[in-house]
N, C-alpha and C. Protein backbone atom coordinates (compact mmCIF):
# COMPACT_ATOMS: atom_id res chain seq x y z
N MET A 1 5.87 36.17 -10.18
CA MET A 1 6.87 36.87 -10.94
C MET A 1 6.33 37.11 -12.35
N SER A 2 6.41 38.35 -12.79
CA SER A 2 5.92 38.67 -14.14
C SER A 2 6.90 38.13 -15.17
N LEU A 3 6.43 38.07 -16.38
CA LEU A 3 7.25 37.55 -17.48
C LEU A 3 8.46 38.45 -17.73
N GLU A 4 8.26 39.75 -17.56
CA GLU A 4 9.36 40.70 -17.76
C GLU A 4 10.44 40.47 -16.70
N GLU A 5 10.02 40.26 -15.45
CA GLU A 5 10.99 39.99 -14.38
C GLU A 5 11.71 38.67 -14.64
N ARG A 6 10.97 37.68 -15.13
CA ARG A 6 11.56 36.38 -15.43
C ARG A 6 12.62 36.51 -16.52
N LEU A 7 12.33 37.31 -17.56
CA LEU A 7 13.30 37.54 -18.62
C LEU A 7 14.58 38.17 -18.05
N GLU A 8 14.39 39.14 -17.17
CA GLU A 8 15.55 39.81 -16.58
C GLU A 8 16.39 38.84 -15.74
N GLU A 9 15.72 38.03 -14.94
CA GLU A 9 16.43 37.05 -14.11
C GLU A 9 17.16 36.01 -14.96
N GLU A 10 16.50 35.55 -16.02
CA GLU A 10 17.12 34.58 -16.92
C GLU A 10 18.32 35.20 -17.62
N MET A 11 18.23 36.48 -17.95
CA MET A 11 19.34 37.16 -18.60
C MET A 11 20.53 37.23 -17.64
N LYS A 12 20.26 37.56 -16.39
CA LYS A 12 21.34 37.63 -15.40
C LYS A 12 22.00 36.28 -15.20
N SER A 13 21.19 35.23 -15.13
CA SER A 13 21.77 33.90 -14.93
C SER A 13 22.57 33.44 -16.15
N ALA A 14 22.10 33.80 -17.35
CA ALA A 14 22.85 33.46 -18.56
C ALA A 14 24.18 34.21 -18.61
N LEU A 15 24.15 35.44 -18.13
CA LEU A 15 25.37 36.25 -18.08
C LEU A 15 26.37 35.64 -17.11
N ARG A 16 25.89 35.24 -15.93
CA ARG A 16 26.75 34.62 -14.93
C ARG A 16 27.31 33.29 -15.42
N ALA A 17 26.48 32.52 -16.15
CA ALA A 17 26.88 31.20 -16.61
C ALA A 17 27.74 31.26 -17.88
N GLY A 18 27.80 32.42 -18.51
CA GLY A 18 28.57 32.56 -19.73
C GLY A 18 27.89 31.92 -20.93
N ASP A 19 26.57 31.76 -20.87
CA ASP A 19 25.79 31.16 -21.96
C ASP A 19 25.48 32.25 -22.99
N LYS A 20 26.38 32.39 -23.96
CA LYS A 20 26.29 33.49 -24.92
C LYS A 20 25.04 33.42 -25.79
N LEU A 21 24.66 32.24 -26.24
CA LEU A 21 23.50 32.10 -27.10
C LEU A 21 22.22 32.51 -26.33
N ARG A 22 22.05 31.96 -25.14
CA ARG A 22 20.87 32.28 -24.33
C ARG A 22 20.82 33.78 -24.02
N LEU A 23 21.97 34.33 -23.67
CA LEU A 23 22.05 35.77 -23.38
C LEU A 23 21.65 36.59 -24.60
N SER A 24 22.16 36.21 -25.76
CA SER A 24 21.86 36.91 -26.99
C SER A 24 20.36 36.87 -27.33
N VAL A 25 19.76 35.70 -27.19
CA VAL A 25 18.34 35.54 -27.50
C VAL A 25 17.47 36.36 -26.54
N ILE A 26 17.81 36.32 -25.27
CA ILE A 26 17.03 37.06 -24.28
C ILE A 26 17.18 38.57 -24.50
N ARG A 27 18.38 39.00 -24.82
CA ARG A 27 18.58 40.43 -25.11
C ARG A 27 17.77 40.85 -26.33
N MET A 28 17.76 39.99 -27.36
CA MET A 28 16.97 40.29 -28.56
C MET A 28 15.49 40.42 -28.21
N ALA A 29 15.01 39.49 -27.38
CA ALA A 29 13.60 39.53 -26.97
C ALA A 29 13.31 40.79 -26.17
N ARG A 30 14.18 41.14 -25.25
CA ARG A 30 13.97 42.33 -24.44
C ARG A 30 14.01 43.59 -25.29
N ALA A 31 14.86 43.62 -26.31
CA ALA A 31 14.92 44.77 -27.21
C ALA A 31 13.61 44.89 -28.00
N SER A 32 13.07 43.76 -28.45
CA SER A 32 11.79 43.78 -29.16
C SER A 32 10.67 44.26 -28.25
N LEU A 33 10.71 43.83 -26.99
CA LEU A 33 9.69 44.28 -26.02
C LEU A 33 9.81 45.78 -25.78
N LYS A 34 11.03 46.27 -25.67
CA LYS A 34 11.24 47.71 -25.45
C LYS A 34 10.73 48.50 -26.66
N ASN A 35 11.01 48.01 -27.86
CA ASN A 35 10.52 48.69 -29.07
C ASN A 35 9.00 48.74 -29.08
N LYS A 36 8.35 47.64 -28.68
CA LYS A 36 6.90 47.60 -28.65
C LYS A 36 6.35 48.57 -27.60
N GLU A 37 7.02 48.66 -26.45
CA GLU A 37 6.60 49.62 -25.42
C GLU A 37 6.68 51.05 -25.95
N ILE A 38 7.76 51.35 -26.65
CA ILE A 38 7.92 52.69 -27.22
C ILE A 38 6.85 52.95 -28.28
N GLU A 39 6.60 51.95 -29.10
CA GLU A 39 5.57 52.08 -30.16
C GLU A 39 4.19 52.30 -29.55
N ASP A 40 3.85 51.53 -28.51
CA ASP A 40 2.53 51.62 -27.90
C ASP A 40 2.44 52.72 -26.85
N ARG A 41 3.58 53.24 -26.43
CA ARG A 41 3.66 54.29 -25.40
C ARG A 41 3.04 53.86 -24.08
N LYS A 42 3.25 52.60 -23.74
CA LYS A 42 2.77 52.10 -22.45
C LYS A 42 3.54 50.85 -22.06
N LYS A 43 3.54 50.54 -20.80
CA LYS A 43 4.20 49.34 -20.28
C LYS A 43 3.41 48.12 -20.72
N LEU A 44 4.13 47.06 -21.13
CA LEU A 44 3.48 45.85 -21.62
C LEU A 44 3.10 44.92 -20.46
N ASP A 45 1.92 44.35 -20.56
CA ASP A 45 1.54 43.32 -19.57
C ASP A 45 1.98 41.97 -20.10
N ASP A 46 1.77 40.92 -19.31
CA ASP A 46 2.23 39.59 -19.70
C ASP A 46 1.60 39.14 -21.01
N GLY A 47 0.34 39.47 -21.25
CA GLY A 47 -0.32 39.08 -22.50
C GLY A 47 0.35 39.70 -23.72
N ALA A 48 0.70 40.97 -23.61
CA ALA A 48 1.37 41.66 -24.71
C ALA A 48 2.78 41.11 -24.91
N ILE A 49 3.45 40.77 -23.80
CA ILE A 49 4.81 40.20 -23.89
C ILE A 49 4.73 38.86 -24.61
N ILE A 50 3.74 38.06 -24.29
CA ILE A 50 3.57 36.75 -24.95
C ILE A 50 3.35 36.93 -26.44
N LYS A 51 2.58 37.95 -26.83
CA LYS A 51 2.36 38.19 -28.25
C LYS A 51 3.66 38.55 -28.97
N VAL A 52 4.45 39.40 -28.34
CA VAL A 52 5.72 39.81 -28.95
C VAL A 52 6.66 38.61 -29.08
N ILE A 53 6.78 37.83 -28.02
CA ILE A 53 7.66 36.65 -28.09
C ILE A 53 7.11 35.63 -29.09
N GLY A 54 5.79 35.49 -29.14
CA GLY A 54 5.17 34.61 -30.13
C GLY A 54 5.51 35.05 -31.55
N GLY A 55 5.54 36.36 -31.78
CA GLY A 55 5.93 36.89 -33.08
C GLY A 55 7.38 36.56 -33.41
N LEU A 56 8.25 36.65 -32.39
CA LEU A 56 9.65 36.29 -32.61
C LEU A 56 9.79 34.80 -32.95
N VAL A 57 8.98 33.98 -32.28
CA VAL A 57 9.01 32.54 -32.56
C VAL A 57 8.56 32.28 -34.00
N LYS A 58 7.49 32.97 -34.41
CA LYS A 58 6.98 32.78 -35.77
C LYS A 58 8.04 33.18 -36.81
N LYS A 59 8.73 34.30 -36.58
CA LYS A 59 9.79 34.73 -37.49
C LYS A 59 10.93 33.71 -37.50
N GLY A 60 11.25 33.19 -36.33
CA GLY A 60 12.30 32.19 -36.23
C GLY A 60 11.95 30.91 -36.98
N GLU A 61 10.67 30.52 -36.91
CA GLU A 61 10.22 29.32 -37.63
C GLU A 61 10.32 29.54 -39.14
N GLU A 62 9.99 30.74 -39.58
CA GLU A 62 10.12 31.06 -41.02
C GLU A 62 11.58 31.01 -41.45
N SER A 63 12.45 31.53 -40.61
CA SER A 63 13.89 31.49 -40.92
C SER A 63 14.38 30.05 -40.98
N LEU A 64 13.90 29.26 -40.03
CA LEU A 64 14.29 27.84 -39.98
C LEU A 64 13.89 27.14 -41.28
N ALA A 65 12.68 27.43 -41.77
CA ALA A 65 12.22 26.82 -43.02
C ALA A 65 13.12 27.23 -44.18
N HIS A 66 13.55 28.50 -44.22
CA HIS A 66 14.44 28.96 -45.28
C HIS A 66 15.80 28.28 -45.19
N PHE A 67 16.30 28.13 -43.97
CA PHE A 67 17.59 27.47 -43.78
C PHE A 67 17.52 26.02 -44.21
N GLN A 68 16.40 25.37 -43.95
CA GLN A 68 16.24 23.98 -44.37
C GLN A 68 16.18 23.87 -45.89
N GLN A 69 15.50 24.81 -46.53
CA GLN A 69 15.43 24.82 -47.99
C GLN A 69 16.82 25.06 -48.59
N GLY A 70 17.60 25.91 -47.92
CA GLY A 70 18.94 26.23 -48.41
C GLY A 70 19.99 25.21 -47.99
N ASN A 71 19.58 24.17 -47.27
CA ASN A 71 20.47 23.11 -46.82
C ASN A 71 21.66 23.69 -46.04
N ARG A 72 21.31 24.42 -44.95
CA ARG A 72 22.32 25.06 -44.11
C ARG A 72 22.27 24.48 -42.70
N PRO A 73 22.87 23.28 -42.48
CA PRO A 73 22.78 22.61 -41.17
C PRO A 73 23.35 23.44 -40.02
N ASP A 74 24.36 24.26 -40.28
CA ASP A 74 24.93 25.09 -39.22
C ASP A 74 23.92 26.11 -38.71
N LEU A 75 23.21 26.75 -39.63
CA LEU A 75 22.20 27.75 -39.25
C LEU A 75 20.94 27.08 -38.69
N ILE A 76 20.61 25.92 -39.19
CA ILE A 76 19.44 25.19 -38.70
C ILE A 76 19.61 24.88 -37.22
N GLU A 77 20.76 24.37 -36.84
CA GLU A 77 21.01 23.99 -35.45
C GLU A 77 20.92 25.22 -34.54
N LYS A 78 21.54 26.32 -34.94
CA LYS A 78 21.52 27.55 -34.13
C LYS A 78 20.08 28.07 -34.00
N GLN A 79 19.32 28.08 -35.09
CA GLN A 79 17.96 28.58 -35.08
C GLN A 79 17.06 27.72 -34.19
N GLU A 80 17.25 26.40 -34.23
CA GLU A 80 16.45 25.51 -33.38
C GLU A 80 16.72 25.78 -31.91
N LYS A 81 17.97 26.04 -31.55
CA LYS A 81 18.32 26.35 -30.16
C LYS A 81 17.69 27.67 -29.74
N GLU A 82 17.73 28.66 -30.62
CA GLU A 82 17.13 29.97 -30.32
C GLU A 82 15.62 29.83 -30.11
N LEU A 83 14.97 29.05 -30.97
CA LEU A 83 13.53 28.84 -30.84
C LEU A 83 13.18 28.15 -29.53
N GLU A 84 14.01 27.19 -29.14
CA GLU A 84 13.78 26.48 -27.87
C GLU A 84 13.84 27.46 -26.70
N ILE A 85 14.80 28.37 -26.74
CA ILE A 85 14.94 29.37 -25.66
C ILE A 85 13.71 30.28 -25.64
N LEU A 86 13.31 30.79 -26.81
CA LEU A 86 12.14 31.68 -26.86
C LEU A 86 10.87 30.98 -26.40
N ARG A 87 10.69 29.72 -26.84
CA ARG A 87 9.48 28.99 -26.46
C ARG A 87 9.40 28.74 -24.97
N SER A 88 10.53 28.73 -24.29
CA SER A 88 10.52 28.50 -22.85
C SER A 88 9.82 29.64 -22.10
N PHE A 89 9.65 30.78 -22.75
CA PHE A 89 8.98 31.92 -22.13
C PHE A 89 7.49 32.00 -22.50
N LEU A 90 7.05 31.12 -23.36
CA LEU A 90 5.64 31.09 -23.76
C LEU A 90 4.89 30.08 -22.89
N PRO A 91 3.57 30.27 -22.76
CA PRO A 91 2.78 29.28 -22.02
C PRO A 91 2.78 27.93 -22.75
N GLN A 92 2.45 26.88 -22.01
CA GLN A 92 2.37 25.54 -22.58
C GLN A 92 1.39 25.55 -23.76
N GLN A 93 1.82 24.99 -24.88
CA GLN A 93 0.97 24.94 -26.08
C GLN A 93 -0.16 23.94 -25.90
N LEU A 94 -1.31 24.28 -26.48
CA LEU A 94 -2.48 23.40 -26.40
C LEU A 94 -2.32 22.21 -27.34
N SER A 95 -2.84 21.07 -26.93
CA SER A 95 -2.84 19.90 -27.80
C SER A 95 -4.00 20.05 -28.80
N ARG A 96 -3.99 19.24 -29.83
CA ARG A 96 -5.07 19.29 -30.83
C ARG A 96 -6.42 19.00 -30.17
N ASP A 97 -6.46 18.04 -29.24
CA ASP A 97 -7.72 17.70 -28.56
C ASP A 97 -8.23 18.89 -27.75
N GLU A 98 -7.33 19.59 -27.07
CA GLU A 98 -7.74 20.76 -26.29
C GLU A 98 -8.28 21.85 -27.20
N ILE A 99 -7.62 22.04 -28.34
CA ILE A 99 -8.09 23.05 -29.30
C ILE A 99 -9.46 22.67 -29.83
N LEU A 100 -9.66 21.41 -30.17
CA LEU A 100 -10.96 20.94 -30.66
C LEU A 100 -12.06 21.20 -29.64
N THR A 101 -11.78 20.95 -28.38
CA THR A 101 -12.76 21.20 -27.32
C THR A 101 -13.11 22.68 -27.25
N LEU A 102 -12.09 23.55 -27.28
CA LEU A 102 -12.35 24.99 -27.24
C LEU A 102 -13.10 25.47 -28.48
N VAL A 103 -12.78 24.90 -29.62
CA VAL A 103 -13.47 25.27 -30.87
C VAL A 103 -14.96 24.88 -30.76
N ASP A 104 -15.23 23.67 -30.29
CA ASP A 104 -16.63 23.23 -30.14
C ASP A 104 -17.39 24.14 -29.19
N GLU A 105 -16.76 24.54 -28.08
CA GLU A 105 -17.40 25.45 -27.13
C GLU A 105 -17.70 26.80 -27.77
N ALA A 106 -16.74 27.34 -28.51
CA ALA A 106 -16.92 28.65 -29.15
C ALA A 106 -18.03 28.60 -30.19
N ILE A 107 -18.08 27.51 -30.96
CA ILE A 107 -19.12 27.37 -31.99
C ILE A 107 -20.49 27.28 -31.33
N LYS A 108 -20.57 26.54 -30.24
CA LYS A 108 -21.83 26.39 -29.52
C LYS A 108 -22.28 27.72 -28.91
N GLU A 109 -21.34 28.44 -28.28
CA GLU A 109 -21.65 29.73 -27.65
C GLU A 109 -22.16 30.76 -28.64
N THR A 110 -21.52 30.80 -29.82
CA THR A 110 -21.86 31.83 -30.82
C THR A 110 -22.95 31.38 -31.77
N ASN A 111 -23.42 30.14 -31.61
CA ASN A 111 -24.43 29.57 -32.51
C ASN A 111 -23.98 29.63 -33.97
N ALA A 112 -22.70 29.41 -34.18
CA ALA A 112 -22.15 29.45 -35.54
C ALA A 112 -22.63 28.20 -36.30
N LEU A 113 -23.16 28.44 -37.49
CA LEU A 113 -23.72 27.34 -38.28
C LEU A 113 -22.92 27.03 -39.53
N ASP A 114 -22.39 28.09 -40.19
CA ASP A 114 -21.66 27.87 -41.43
C ASP A 114 -20.51 28.87 -41.54
N MET A 115 -19.90 28.91 -42.70
CA MET A 115 -18.71 29.74 -42.91
C MET A 115 -18.96 31.23 -42.71
N LYS A 116 -20.21 31.66 -42.84
CA LYS A 116 -20.53 33.06 -42.60
C LYS A 116 -20.28 33.45 -41.15
N ASP A 117 -20.33 32.48 -40.26
CA ASP A 117 -20.15 32.74 -38.84
C ASP A 117 -18.72 32.51 -38.36
N LEU A 118 -17.80 32.32 -39.29
CA LEU A 118 -16.41 32.07 -38.94
C LEU A 118 -15.85 33.19 -38.06
N GLY A 119 -16.10 34.42 -38.41
CA GLY A 119 -15.60 35.57 -37.66
C GLY A 119 -16.10 35.58 -36.23
N LYS A 120 -17.39 35.30 -36.05
CA LYS A 120 -17.96 35.26 -34.70
C LYS A 120 -17.28 34.20 -33.85
N ALA A 121 -17.12 33.03 -34.41
CA ALA A 121 -16.49 31.92 -33.68
C ALA A 121 -15.04 32.24 -33.33
N MET A 122 -14.31 32.79 -34.28
CA MET A 122 -12.90 33.11 -34.03
C MET A 122 -12.76 34.21 -32.99
N LYS A 123 -13.68 35.18 -33.03
CA LYS A 123 -13.63 36.28 -32.06
C LYS A 123 -13.84 35.75 -30.64
N ALA A 124 -14.71 34.79 -30.48
CA ALA A 124 -14.96 34.20 -29.17
C ALA A 124 -13.81 33.28 -28.74
N LEU A 125 -13.16 32.69 -29.70
CA LEU A 125 -12.15 31.67 -29.42
C LEU A 125 -10.76 32.25 -29.14
N MET A 126 -10.35 33.25 -29.87
CA MET A 126 -8.97 33.72 -29.79
C MET A 126 -8.53 34.18 -28.40
N PRO A 127 -9.35 34.88 -27.62
CA PRO A 127 -8.87 35.25 -26.29
C PRO A 127 -8.54 34.03 -25.40
N ARG A 128 -9.21 32.93 -25.64
CA ARG A 128 -8.98 31.72 -24.84
C ARG A 128 -7.69 31.01 -25.19
N ILE A 129 -7.24 31.18 -26.43
CA ILE A 129 -6.06 30.44 -26.86
C ILE A 129 -4.84 31.32 -27.09
N ALA A 130 -4.97 32.61 -26.84
CA ALA A 130 -3.90 33.56 -27.14
C ALA A 130 -2.56 33.08 -26.62
N GLY A 131 -1.61 32.94 -27.53
CA GLY A 131 -0.27 32.55 -27.18
C GLY A 131 -0.07 31.06 -26.93
N ARG A 132 -1.17 30.31 -26.96
CA ARG A 132 -1.05 28.88 -26.64
C ARG A 132 -1.27 27.99 -27.86
N ALA A 133 -1.56 28.60 -29.01
CA ALA A 133 -1.75 27.83 -30.24
C ALA A 133 -1.61 28.79 -31.43
N ASP A 134 -1.23 28.24 -32.56
CA ASP A 134 -1.07 29.03 -33.78
C ASP A 134 -2.44 29.41 -34.32
N GLY A 135 -2.66 30.69 -34.54
CA GLY A 135 -3.96 31.18 -34.99
C GLY A 135 -4.40 30.59 -36.32
N ARG A 136 -3.45 30.40 -37.25
CA ARG A 136 -3.80 29.84 -38.56
C ARG A 136 -4.27 28.40 -38.42
N ALA A 137 -3.63 27.64 -37.55
CA ALA A 137 -4.04 26.25 -37.34
C ALA A 137 -5.42 26.18 -36.72
N VAL A 138 -5.66 27.07 -35.78
CA VAL A 138 -6.98 27.11 -35.12
C VAL A 138 -8.05 27.51 -36.12
N GLN A 139 -7.76 28.50 -36.95
CA GLN A 139 -8.73 28.92 -37.95
C GLN A 139 -9.05 27.78 -38.91
N GLN A 140 -8.05 27.00 -39.27
CA GLN A 140 -8.28 25.87 -40.16
C GLN A 140 -9.22 24.85 -39.51
N ILE A 141 -9.05 24.61 -38.22
CA ILE A 141 -9.93 23.69 -37.50
C ILE A 141 -11.35 24.22 -37.46
N VAL A 142 -11.50 25.52 -37.21
CA VAL A 142 -12.84 26.12 -37.19
C VAL A 142 -13.48 26.01 -38.57
N ARG A 143 -12.70 26.26 -39.61
CA ARG A 143 -13.23 26.13 -40.98
C ARG A 143 -13.73 24.71 -41.25
N GLU A 144 -12.94 23.72 -40.82
CA GLU A 144 -13.35 22.33 -41.01
C GLU A 144 -14.66 22.05 -40.29
N LYS A 145 -14.78 22.53 -39.08
CA LYS A 145 -15.99 22.29 -38.28
C LYS A 145 -17.23 22.95 -38.91
N LEU A 146 -17.03 24.19 -39.41
CA LEU A 146 -18.18 24.93 -39.94
C LEU A 146 -18.55 24.49 -41.36
N SER A 147 -17.67 23.83 -42.06
CA SER A 147 -17.98 23.43 -43.43
C SER A 147 -18.72 22.08 -43.48
N ARG A 148 -18.91 21.47 -42.33
CA ARG A 148 -19.60 20.17 -42.31
C ARG A 148 -21.08 20.34 -42.39
């Protein structure tokens, strides 16, 4: 079952169950996917869908940080629930150890020696971790490895 089909089935089950929050989040995600399809003028594959949902998660995390700074417990709780729903459609996130292993492999493959080779290492690494880890965190790990 494709991710798009899964979203549709989850939306139907949320509608039947009367789960308004889940229904709202899934509809928002599907609207974002539709906008991306219109923008790109092509049907999205699972990889592109993961990127769009990942972007929604990132925006949600930023909102959560603002709500925490503003001391808004009502909004914090709602945002955390929304993020949990969105994350359920993303692949399992990589652990730090798994990321370190992939970083070491990419550095070895590209013969990256120092910070000048950061781009080469990241280019080899990103397709392997797409949607399964935060790119900024991965880049920080690569920087640490190459600066030694």
